[in-house]
Amino acid sequence: MTVEASALSSSFPVRAHRTAPPQAFSLRAIRKTDGQAIYGLVGQCPPLDLNSLYAYLLLSEHHADTCVLAEDGARRVIGFVSAYIPPRHPDVLFVWQVAVHPDARGHGLAGRMVRHLLERDAARAVRYIETTVGPDNAASRGVFAGLARRLGTGCSDRAFFEPELFGQTGHEEERLLRLGPFQPIGCVEQPS
């Protein structure tokens, strides 16, 4: 799906300089004031579906403990992960979106953000990670395969949302990747 992200400006110019190496990235929980920057970042990360700004504000209010924001040394938003723990499955972290600004790619930031979520107190019961990806999304598949290796576990792939469920939008199939079981990583204090 092609989406215009011109309604809100991004925190990045169209061609920003290459960002700093991963050790310079800071990770923290999202806040309401991050909504516009998250919206702008996701708009620059096709093939991600751009949700409404309101959806990102709700995530910051209801799921801040399972979402993470990455900033570079200049405090520009360069990464975002939205995730939640399904109410009927408290041992699962469902990763909804992973966005890394094009100039910050190639540093392992996506995997680092997901691992950071697993270290939080909110994830102490998590033994599985689930996410959906399109069949041709090699980048996302690579991130989650690498994460499975780091966690010492397997990754299964099965049908989840067939294309017809999306109506006439032309949206491709979404397959469910499931990592686990794995041992909890451990808890760290949540960033503020």
C-alpha atoms as a PDB file:
ATOM      1  CA  MET A   1       0.000   0.000   0.000  1.00  0.00           C
ATOM      2  CA  THR A   2       1.410   3.420  -0.934  1.00  0.00           C
ATOM      3  CA  VAL A   3       0.848   6.092   1.668  1.00  0.00           C
ATOM      4  CA  GLU A   4       1.634   9.795   1.605  1.00  0.00           C
ATOM      5  CA  ALA A   5       3.336  11.039   4.761  1.00  0.00           C
ATOM      6  CA  SER A   6       3.207  14.726   3.875  1.00  0.00           C
ATOM      7  CA  ALA A   7       0.590  15.665   6.475  1.00  0.00           C
ATOM      8  CA  LEU A   8       3.269  15.904   9.157  1.00  0.00           C
ATOM      9  CA  SER A   9       6.898  16.711   8.642  1.00  0.00           C
ATOM     10  CA  SER A  10       9.576  14.287   9.702  1.00  0.00           C
ATOM     11  CA  SER A  11      12.350  15.074  12.118  1.00  0.00           C
ATOM     12  CA  PHE A  12      14.767  14.260   9.260  1.00  0.00           C
ATOM     13  CA  PRO A  13      15.487  16.197   6.098  1.00  0.00           C
ATOM     14  CA  VAL A  14      14.918  14.289   2.869  1.00  0.00           C
ATOM     15  CA  ARG A  15      18.618  13.299   2.633  1.00  0.00           C
ATOM     16  CA  ALA A  16      20.149  13.337   6.079  1.00  0.00           C
ATOM     17  CA  HIS A  17      23.750  12.421   6.739  1.00  0.00           C
ATOM     18  CA  ARG A  18      24.593   8.865   7.781  1.00  0.00           C
ATOM     19  CA  THR A  19      23.801   8.407  11.480  1.00  0.00           C
ATOM     20  CA  ALA A  20      26.235   7.462  14.184  1.00  0.00           C
ATOM     21  CA  PRO A  21      27.183   3.875  14.997  1.00  0.00           C
ATOM     22  CA  PRO A  22      24.779   1.875  17.208  1.00  0.00           C
ATOM     23  CA  GLN A  23      26.555   2.626  20.472  1.00  0.00           C
ATOM     24  CA  ALA A  24      25.501   6.268  19.992  1.00  0.00           C
ATOM     25  CA  PHE A  25      21.804   5.348  19.825  1.00  0.00           C
ATOM     26  CA  SER A  26      19.729   5.736  22.979  1.00  0.00           C
ATOM     27  CA  LEU A  27      16.650   3.593  23.603  1.00  0.00           C
ATOM     28  CA  ARG A  28      13.659   4.564  25.726  1.00  0.00           C
ATOM     29  CA  ALA A  29       9.922   4.116  26.183  1.00  0.00           C
ATOM     30  CA  ILE A  30       7.733   6.231  23.928  1.00  0.00           C
ATOM     31  CA  ARG A  31       5.848   9.309  25.163  1.00  0.00           C
ATOM     32  CA  LYS A  32       2.826  11.204  23.840  1.00  0.00           C
ATOM     33  CA  THR A  33       5.106  13.960  22.608  1.00  0.00           C
ATOM     34  CA  ASP A  34       6.781  11.419  20.269  1.00  0.00           C
ATOM     35  CA  GLY A  35       3.626  10.779  18.221  1.00  0.00           C
ATOM     36  CA  GLN A  36       4.414  13.151  15.354  1.00  0.00           C
ATOM     37  CA  ALA A  37       8.025  11.986  15.050  1.00  0.00           C
ATOM     38  CA  ILE A  38       6.932   8.319  15.051  1.00  0.00           C
ATOM     39  CA  TYR A  39       4.329   9.066  12.372  1.00  0.00           C
ATOM     40  CA  GLY A  40       6.968  10.808  10.255  1.00  0.00           C
ATOM     41  CA  LEU A  41       9.483   7.981  10.687  1.00  0.00           C
ATOM     42  CA  VAL A  42       7.022   5.221   9.747  1.00  0.00           C
ATOM     43  CA  GLY A  43       6.051   7.257   6.685  1.00  0.00           C
ATOM     44  CA  GLN A  44       9.688   7.022   5.541  1.00  0.00           C
ATOM     45  CA  CYS A  45       9.852   3.249   5.996  1.00  0.00           C
ATOM     46  CA  PRO A  46       7.926   1.459   3.267  1.00  0.00           C
ATOM     47  CA  PRO A  47       6.555  -1.184   3.090  1.00  0.00           C
ATOM     48  CA  LEU A  48       5.274  -0.445   6.619  1.00  0.00           C
ATOM     49  CA  ASP A  49       1.636   0.578   6.749  1.00  0.00           C
ATOM     50  CA  LEU A  50       1.356   4.138   8.025  1.00  0.00           C
ATOM     51  CA  ASN A  51      -1.244   4.191  10.781  1.00  0.00           C
ATOM     52  CA  SER A  52      -2.969   7.363  11.923  1.00  0.00           C
ATOM     53  CA  LEU A  53      -1.163   9.745  14.237  1.00  0.00           C
ATOM     54  CA  TYR A  54      -3.916   8.950  16.728  1.00  0.00           C
ATOM     55  CA  ALA A  55      -2.892   5.264  16.723  1.00  0.00           C
ATOM     56  CA  TYR A  56       0.685   6.211  17.659  1.00  0.00           C
ATOM     57  CA  LEU A  57      -0.602   8.481  20.422  1.00  0.00           C
ATOM     58  CA  LEU A  58      -2.701   5.598  21.786  1.00  0.00           C
ATOM     59  CA  LEU A  59       0.345   3.328  21.737  1.00  0.00           C
ATOM     60  CA  SER A  60       2.245   5.898  23.800  1.00  0.00           C
ATOM     61  CA  GLU A  61      -0.574   6.029  26.330  1.00  0.00           C
ATOM     62  CA  HIS A  62      -1.524   2.346  26.561  1.00  0.00           C
ATOM     63  CA  HIS A  63       1.581   0.398  25.506  1.00  0.00           C
ATOM     64  CA  ALA A  64       4.612   2.550  26.325  1.00  0.00           C
ATOM     65  CA  ASP A  65       6.097  -0.308  28.347  1.00  0.00           C
ATOM     66  CA  THR A  66       6.214  -2.520  25.236  1.00  0.00           C
ATOM     67  CA  CYS A  67       7.195   0.108  22.662  1.00  0.00           C
ATOM     68  CA  VAL A  68      10.647   1.573  22.178  1.00  0.00           C
ATOM     69  CA  LEU A  69      12.043   4.680  20.539  1.00  0.00           C
ATOM     70  CA  ALA A  70      15.639   5.048  19.343  1.00  0.00           C
ATOM     71  CA  GLU A  71      17.308   8.451  19.112  1.00  0.00           C
ATOM     72  CA  ASP A  72      20.685   9.418  17.756  1.00  0.00           C
ATOM     73  CA  GLY A  73      23.132  11.734  19.501  1.00  0.00           C
ATOM     74  CA  ALA A  74      21.237  14.772  18.207  1.00  0.00           C
ATOM     75  CA  ARG A  75      18.014  13.365  19.747  1.00  0.00           C
ATOM     76  CA  ARG A  76      16.465  12.703  16.331  1.00  0.00           C
ATOM     77  CA  VAL A  77      14.052   9.767  16.185  1.00  0.00           C
ATOM     78  CA  ILE A  78      15.755   7.082  14.115  1.00  0.00           C
ATOM     79  CA  GLY A  79      13.968   3.920  15.230  1.00  0.00           C
ATOM     80  CA  PHE A  80      10.672   2.712  16.636  1.00  0.00           C
ATOM     81  CA  VAL A  81       9.157  -0.610  17.657  1.00  0.00           C
ATOM     82  CA  SER A  82       5.508  -1.028  18.568  1.00  0.00           C
ATOM     83  CA  ALA A  83       4.644  -4.209  20.405  1.00  0.00           C
ATOM     84  CA  TYR A  84       2.174  -5.480  22.951  1.00  0.00           C
ATOM     85  CA  ILE A  85       1.419  -8.511  25.082  1.00  0.00           C
ATOM     86  CA  PRO A  86      -1.874 -10.084  23.936  1.00  0.00           C
ATOM     87  CA  PRO A  87      -4.278 -10.326  26.904  1.00  0.00           C
ATOM     88  CA  ARG A  88      -4.927 -14.056  26.384  1.00  0.00           C
ATOM     89  CA  HIS A  89      -1.221 -14.854  25.852  1.00  0.00           C
ATOM     90  CA  PRO A  90       0.907 -13.235  28.593  1.00  0.00           C
ATOM     91  CA  ASP A  91       3.974 -15.213  27.465  1.00  0.00           C
ATOM     92  CA  VAL A  92       3.951 -13.633  23.963  1.00  0.00           C
ATOM     93  CA  LEU A  93       5.349 -10.310  22.828  1.00  0.00           C
ATOM     94  CA  PHE A  94       3.612  -9.419  19.564  1.00  0.00           C
ATOM     95  CA  VAL A  95       5.802  -7.057  17.543  1.00  0.00           C
ATOM     96  CA  TRP A  96       3.543  -4.918  15.374  1.00  0.00           C
ATOM     97  CA  GLN A  97       5.909  -2.509  13.618  1.00  0.00           C
ATOM     98  CA  VAL A  98       9.680  -2.107  13.420  1.00  0.00           C
ATOM     99  CA  ALA A  99      10.834   1.104  11.760  1.00  0.00           C
ATOM    100  CA  VAL A 100      14.443   2.178  11.231  1.00  0.00           C
ATOM    101  CA  HIS A 101      15.204   5.392   9.379  1.00  0.00           C
ATOM    102  CA  PRO A 102      16.945   4.635   6.047  1.00  0.00           C
ATOM    103  CA  ASP A 103      20.087   6.479   7.193  1.00  0.00           C
ATOM    104  CA  ALA A 104      20.319   4.362  10.362  1.00  0.00           C
ATOM    105  CA  ARG A 105      20.039   0.955   8.721  1.00  0.00           C
ATOM    106  CA  GLY A 106      22.824  -1.595   8.710  1.00  0.00           C
ATOM    107  CA  HIS A 107      23.789  -1.172  12.367  1.00  0.00           C
ATOM    108  CA  GLY A 108      21.575  -3.895  13.896  1.00  0.00           C
ATOM    109  CA  LEU A 109      19.256  -1.331  15.464  1.00  0.00           C
ATOM    110  CA  ALA A 110      16.027  -3.257  14.767  1.00  0.00           C
ATOM    111  CA  GLY A 111      17.194  -6.337  16.665  1.00  0.00           C
ATOM    112  CA  ARG A 112      18.673  -4.210  19.426  1.00  0.00           C
ATOM    113  CA  MET A 113      15.323  -2.449  19.978  1.00  0.00           C
ATOM    114  CA  VAL A 114      13.424  -5.752  20.222  1.00  0.00           C
ATOM    115  CA  ARG A 115      16.013  -7.205  22.630  1.00  0.00           C
ATOM    116  CA  HIS A 116      15.699  -4.031  24.705  1.00  0.00           C
ATOM    117  CA  LEU A 117      11.960  -4.678  25.038  1.00  0.00           C
ATOM    118  CA  LEU A 118      12.681  -8.212  26.252  1.00  0.00           C
ATOM    119  CA  GLU A 119      14.836  -6.773  29.046  1.00  0.00           C
ATOM    120  CA  ARG A 120      12.013  -4.678  30.475  1.00  0.00           C
ATOM    121  CA  ASP A 121       9.990  -5.649  33.501  1.00  0.00           C
ATOM    122  CA  ALA A 122       6.826  -5.825  31.355  1.00  0.00           C
ATOM    123  CA  ALA A 123       8.368  -8.747  29.417  1.00  0.00           C
ATOM    124  CA  ARG A 124       9.449 -10.879  32.373  1.00  0.00           C
ATOM    125  CA  ALA A 125       6.923 -13.618  31.463  1.00  0.00           C
ATOM    126  CA  VAL A 126       7.607 -13.488  27.705  1.00  0.00           C
ATOM    127  CA  ARG A 127       8.810 -16.786  26.198  1.00  0.00           C
ATOM    128  CA  TYR A 128       7.725 -16.187  22.584  1.00  0.00           C
ATOM    129  CA  ILE A 129       7.878 -13.372  20.048  1.00  0.00           C
ATOM    130  CA  GLU A 130       5.311 -13.181  17.268  1.00  0.00           C
ATOM    131  CA  THR A 131       5.166 -10.836  14.307  1.00  0.00           C
ATOM    132  CA  THR A 132       3.592 -10.748  10.883  1.00  0.00           C
ATOM    133  CA  VAL A 133       5.549 -10.150   7.682  1.00  0.00           C
ATOM    134  CA  GLY A 134       4.822 -10.224   3.993  1.00  0.00           C
ATOM    135  CA  PRO A 135       6.314 -13.179   2.125  1.00  0.00           C
ATOM    136  CA  ASP A 136       8.778 -10.935   0.250  1.00  0.00           C
ATOM    137  CA  ASN A 137       9.958  -8.824   3.192  1.00  0.00           C
ATOM    138  CA  ALA A 138      13.501 -10.187   3.365  1.00  0.00           C
ATOM    139  CA  ALA A 139      14.745  -7.444   5.704  1.00  0.00           C
ATOM    140  CA  SER A 140      12.192  -8.218   8.431  1.00  0.00           C
ATOM    141  CA  ARG A 141      12.688 -11.940   8.005  1.00  0.00           C
ATOM    142  CA  GLY A 142      16.428 -11.424   8.457  1.00  0.00           C
ATOM    143  CA  VAL A 143      15.946  -9.392  11.639  1.00  0.00           C
ATOM    144  CA  PHE A 144      13.763 -12.052  13.244  1.00  0.00           C
ATOM    145  CA  ALA A 145      15.921 -14.979  12.068  1.00  0.00           C
ATOM    146  CA  GLY A 146      18.930 -13.246  13.629  1.00  0.00           C
ATOM    147  CA  LEU A 147      16.996 -12.607  16.817  1.00  0.00           C
ATOM    148  CA  ALA A 148      15.996 -16.288  17.007  1.00  0.00           C
ATOM    149  CA  ARG A 149      19.668 -17.254  16.695  1.00  0.00           C
ATOM    150  CA  ARG A 150      20.684 -14.817  19.448  1.00  0.00           C
ATOM    151  CA  LEU A 151      17.936 -16.199  21.701  1.00  0.00           C
ATOM    152  CA  GLY A 152      18.956 -19.791  20.932  1.00  0.00           C
ATOM    153  CA  THR A 153      15.536 -20.766  19.631  1.00  0.00           C
ATOM    154  CA  GLY A 154      13.671 -21.595  16.455  1.00  0.00           C
ATOM    155  CA  CYS A 155      11.434 -19.519  14.218  1.00  0.00           C
ATOM    156  CA  SER A 156       8.289 -20.972  12.648  1.00  0.00           C
ATOM    157  CA  ASP A 157       6.429 -19.428   9.711  1.00  0.00           C
ATOM    158  CA  ARG A 158       2.755 -20.011   8.962  1.00  0.00           C
ATOM    159  CA  ALA A 159      -0.191 -18.439   7.162  1.00  0.00           C
ATOM    160  CA  PHE A 160      -2.000 -15.827   9.248  1.00  0.00           C
ATOM    161  CA  PHE A 161      -3.908 -13.130   7.300  1.00  0.00           C
ATOM    162  CA  GLU A 162      -4.738 -14.176   3.745  1.00  0.00           C
ATOM    163  CA  PRO A 163      -4.872 -11.423   1.075  1.00  0.00           C
ATOM    164  CA  GLU A 164      -8.666 -11.638   0.711  1.00  0.00           C
ATOM    165  CA  LEU A 165      -9.080 -10.506   4.341  1.00  0.00           C
ATOM    166  CA  PHE A 166      -7.727  -7.105   3.239  1.00  0.00           C
ATOM    167  CA  GLY A 167     -10.504  -6.650   0.673  1.00  0.00           C
ATOM    168  CA  GLN A 168      -9.679  -4.746  -2.513  1.00  0.00           C
ATOM    169  CA  THR A 169      -6.638  -2.954  -1.047  1.00  0.00           C
ATOM    170  CA  GLY A 170      -4.145  -5.174  -2.858  1.00  0.00           C
ATOM    171  CA  HIS A 171      -2.441  -5.944   0.453  1.00  0.00           C
ATOM    172  CA  GLU A 172      -0.334  -9.082   0.271  1.00  0.00           C
ATOM    173  CA  GLU A 173      -0.581 -12.012   2.653  1.00  0.00           C
ATOM    174  CA  GLU A 174       0.757 -11.510   6.184  1.00  0.00           C
ATOM    175  CA  ARG A 175       2.541 -14.561   7.550  1.00  0.00           C
ATOM    176  CA  LEU A 176       3.052 -15.186  11.266  1.00  0.00           C
ATOM    177  CA  LEU A 177       6.614 -15.668  12.465  1.00  0.00           C
ATOM    178  CA  ARG A 178       6.856 -17.216  15.934  1.00  0.00           C
ATOM    179  CA  LEU A 179      10.137 -17.325  17.841  1.00  0.00           C
ATOM    180  CA  GLY A 180      10.483 -19.448  20.944  1.00  0.00           C
ATOM    181  CA  PRO A 181      10.344 -20.756  23.461  1.00  0.00           C
ATOM    182  CA  PHE A 182      13.302 -18.963  25.019  1.00  0.00           C
ATOM    183  CA  GLN A 183      14.436 -18.041  28.505  1.00  0.00           C
ATOM    184  CA  PRO A 184      13.647 -14.516  29.712  1.00  0.00           C
ATOM    185  CA  ILE A 185      16.537 -12.138  29.115  1.00  0.00           C
ATOM    186  CA  GLY A 186      16.191 -10.368  32.444  1.00  0.00           C
ATOM    187  CA  CYS A 187      14.779  -7.119  33.645  1.00  0.00           C
ATOM    188  CA  VAL A 188      16.335  -3.698  33.502  1.00  0.00           C
ATOM    189  CA  GLU A 189      14.893  -0.461  34.728  1.00  0.00           C
ATOM    190  CA  GLN A 190      12.584   1.068  32.149  1.00  0.00           C
ATOM    191  CA  PRO A 191      13.999   4.174  30.506  1.00  0.00           C
ATOM    192  CA  SER A 192      12.178   7.406  31.111  1.00  0.00           C
END
